[in-house]
Amino acid sequence: MPKRGEVWIGDLGFAQKVRPYTDEDRDLISVIPHLTAIRGITISFLKPGAFLVQHPITVSAAKAERFLGRLAPAQLALVEAGVRNWLGL
């Protein structure tokens, strides 16, 4: 189960198969996607890019496929500040 500040590779596609729900499908996580088409932040285990703080999404935890690493506290603080700014908080 992904935890706050962790970075995972996952399938965020919107086309899904119709299938019965399991308990694992009900475990939801909030995700801030990382884009490599936009430059701005450097993290050792990611390609250069930026977190898309204007587009937080909620997906099934089952979509988290592979753990990449954990953001440093200062990096996580920047992402959180971006989300708060976007939400007007």
C-alpha atoms as a PDB file:
ATOM      1  CA  MET A   1       0.000   0.000   0.000  1.00  0.00           C
ATOM      2  CA  PRO A   2       1.572   3.326  -1.058  1.00  0.00           C
ATOM      3  CA  LYS A   3       2.314   5.807   1.718  1.00  0.00           C
ATOM      4  CA  ARG A   4       2.504   9.621   1.803  1.00  0.00           C
ATOM      5  CA  GLY A   5       5.613  10.909   0.055  1.00  0.00           C
ATOM      6  CA  GLU A   6       6.312   7.696  -1.858  1.00  0.00           C
ATOM      7  CA  VAL A   7       6.614   7.644  -5.640  1.00  0.00           C
ATOM      8  CA  TRP A   8       5.175   4.690  -7.535  1.00  0.00           C
ATOM      9  CA  ILE A   9       4.720   3.772 -11.176  1.00  0.00           C
ATOM     10  CA  GLY A  10       1.081   3.049 -11.827  1.00  0.00           C
ATOM     11  CA  ASP A  11      -1.522   2.686 -14.516  1.00  0.00           C
ATOM     12  CA  LEU A  12      -3.600   5.861 -14.411  1.00  0.00           C
ATOM     13  CA  GLY A  13      -5.419   5.060 -17.656  1.00  0.00           C
ATOM     14  CA  PHE A  14      -9.120   5.650 -17.721  1.00  0.00           C
ATOM     15  CA  ALA A  15     -10.061   2.658 -19.887  1.00  0.00           C
ATOM     16  CA  GLN A  16     -10.818  -0.193 -17.531  1.00  0.00           C
ATOM     17  CA  LYS A  17     -12.194  -3.662 -17.820  1.00  0.00           C
ATOM     18  CA  VAL A  18     -15.515  -4.371 -16.186  1.00  0.00           C
ATOM     19  CA  ARG A  19     -14.862  -6.786 -13.357  1.00  0.00           C
ATOM     20  CA  PRO A  20     -16.196  -7.596  -9.900  1.00  0.00           C
ATOM     21  CA  TYR A  21     -14.891  -5.395  -7.092  1.00  0.00           C
ATOM     22  CA  THR A  22     -12.702  -6.881  -4.382  1.00  0.00           C
ATOM     23  CA  ASP A  23     -11.665  -5.375  -1.033  1.00  0.00           C
ATOM     24  CA  GLU A  24      -8.379  -4.326  -2.670  1.00  0.00           C
ATOM     25  CA  ASP A  25     -10.311  -2.263  -5.241  1.00  0.00           C
ATOM     26  CA  ARG A  26     -11.906  -0.250  -2.421  1.00  0.00           C
ATOM     27  CA  ASP A  27      -8.530   0.892  -1.022  1.00  0.00           C
ATOM     28  CA  LEU A  28      -8.183   4.375  -2.487  1.00  0.00           C
ATOM     29  CA  ILE A  29      -5.122   6.610  -2.714  1.00  0.00           C
ATOM     30  CA  SER A  30      -4.781  10.243  -3.758  1.00  0.00           C
ATOM     31  CA  VAL A  31      -2.172  10.756  -6.457  1.00  0.00           C
ATOM     32  CA  ILE A  32      -0.272  13.767  -7.791  1.00  0.00           C
ATOM     33  CA  PRO A  33       0.901  12.703 -11.276  1.00  0.00           C
ATOM     34  CA  HIS A  34       4.508  13.386 -12.332  1.00  0.00           C
ATOM     35  CA  LEU A  35       4.999  14.543 -15.915  1.00  0.00           C
ATOM     36  CA  THR A  36       8.254  14.372 -17.843  1.00  0.00           C
ATOM     37  CA  ALA A  37       7.011  16.706 -20.606  1.00  0.00           C
ATOM     38  CA  ILE A  38       7.352  19.594 -18.143  1.00  0.00           C
ATOM     39  CA  ARG A  39      10.758  20.414 -16.691  1.00  0.00           C
ATOM     40  CA  GLY A  40      11.304  21.795 -13.246  1.00  0.00           C
ATOM     41  CA  ILE A  41      12.180  19.319 -10.494  1.00  0.00           C
ATOM     42  CA  THR A  42      15.059  16.868 -10.234  1.00  0.00           C
ATOM     43  CA  ILE A  43      14.702  13.700  -8.168  1.00  0.00           C
ATOM     44  CA  SER A  44      17.361  10.999  -8.431  1.00  0.00           C
ATOM     45  CA  PHE A  45      14.969   8.142  -9.225  1.00  0.00           C
ATOM     46  CA  LEU A  46      12.741  10.091 -11.684  1.00  0.00           C
ATOM     47  CA  LYS A  47      13.283  11.556 -15.119  1.00  0.00           C
ATOM     48  CA  PRO A  48      13.361  15.381 -15.070  1.00  0.00           C
ATOM     49  CA  GLY A  49       9.831  16.741 -14.892  1.00  0.00           C
ATOM     50  CA  ALA A  50       7.242  18.251 -12.592  1.00  0.00           C
ATOM     51  CA  PHE A  51       4.401  17.146 -10.337  1.00  0.00           C
ATOM     52  CA  LEU A  52       1.022  18.182 -11.739  1.00  0.00           C
ATOM     53  CA  VAL A  53      -0.369  19.728  -8.538  1.00  0.00           C
ATOM     54  CA  GLN A  54      -3.388  21.116 -10.436  1.00  0.00           C
ATOM     55  CA  HIS A  55      -4.658  17.593 -11.108  1.00  0.00           C
ATOM     56  CA  PRO A  56      -4.782  15.428  -7.959  1.00  0.00           C
ATOM     57  CA  ILE A  57      -6.715  12.227  -8.640  1.00  0.00           C
ATOM     58  CA  THR A  58      -8.044   9.349  -6.563  1.00  0.00           C
ATOM     59  CA  VAL A  59      -7.492   5.807  -7.798  1.00  0.00           C
ATOM     60  CA  SER A  60      -7.584   2.268  -6.471  1.00  0.00           C
ATOM     61  CA  ALA A  61      -4.402   1.384  -4.572  1.00  0.00           C
ATOM     62  CA  ALA A  62      -4.240  -1.680  -6.833  1.00  0.00           C
ATOM     63  CA  LYS A  63      -3.121   0.662  -9.646  1.00  0.00           C
ATOM     64  CA  ALA A  64       0.210   1.272  -7.853  1.00  0.00           C
ATOM     65  CA  GLU A  65       2.460  -1.181  -9.649  1.00  0.00           C
ATOM     66  CA  ARG A  66       6.082  -0.519  -8.678  1.00  0.00           C
ATOM     67  CA  PHE A  67       7.732   1.485  -5.887  1.00  0.00           C
ATOM     68  CA  LEU A  68      10.389   3.927  -7.143  1.00  0.00           C
ATOM     69  CA  GLY A  69      11.420   5.822  -4.021  1.00  0.00           C
ATOM     70  CA  ARG A  70      10.483   8.341  -1.385  1.00  0.00           C
ATOM     71  CA  LEU A  71      10.560  12.125  -1.681  1.00  0.00           C
ATOM     72  CA  ALA A  72      12.853  13.938   0.711  1.00  0.00           C
ATOM     73  CA  PRO A  73      10.925  16.013   3.294  1.00  0.00           C
ATOM     74  CA  ALA A  74      11.848  19.264   1.490  1.00  0.00           C
ATOM     75  CA  GLN A  75      10.654  17.844  -1.855  1.00  0.00           C
ATOM     76  CA  LEU A  76       7.364  16.649  -0.356  1.00  0.00           C
ATOM     77  CA  ALA A  77       6.887  20.073   1.251  1.00  0.00           C
ATOM     78  CA  LEU A  78       7.180  21.720  -2.185  1.00  0.00           C
ATOM     79  CA  VAL A  79       4.561  19.385  -3.700  1.00  0.00           C
ATOM     80  CA  GLU A  80       2.215  19.909  -0.740  1.00  0.00           C
ATOM     81  CA  ALA A  81       2.664  23.702  -0.963  1.00  0.00           C
ATOM     82  CA  GLY A  82       1.786  23.545  -4.668  1.00  0.00           C
ATOM     83  CA  VAL A  83      -1.413  21.602  -3.954  1.00  0.00           C
ATOM     84  CA  ARG A  84      -2.397  23.997  -1.147  1.00  0.00           C
ATOM     85  CA  ASN A  85      -1.747  26.976  -3.424  1.00  0.00           C
ATOM     86  CA  TRP A  86      -3.855  25.416  -6.201  1.00  0.00           C
ATOM     87  CA  LEU A  87      -6.700  24.814  -3.730  1.00  0.00           C
ATOM     88  CA  GLY A  88      -6.419  28.365  -2.391  1.00  0.00           C
ATOM     89  CA  LEU A  89      -5.473  27.268   1.117  1.00  0.00           C
END
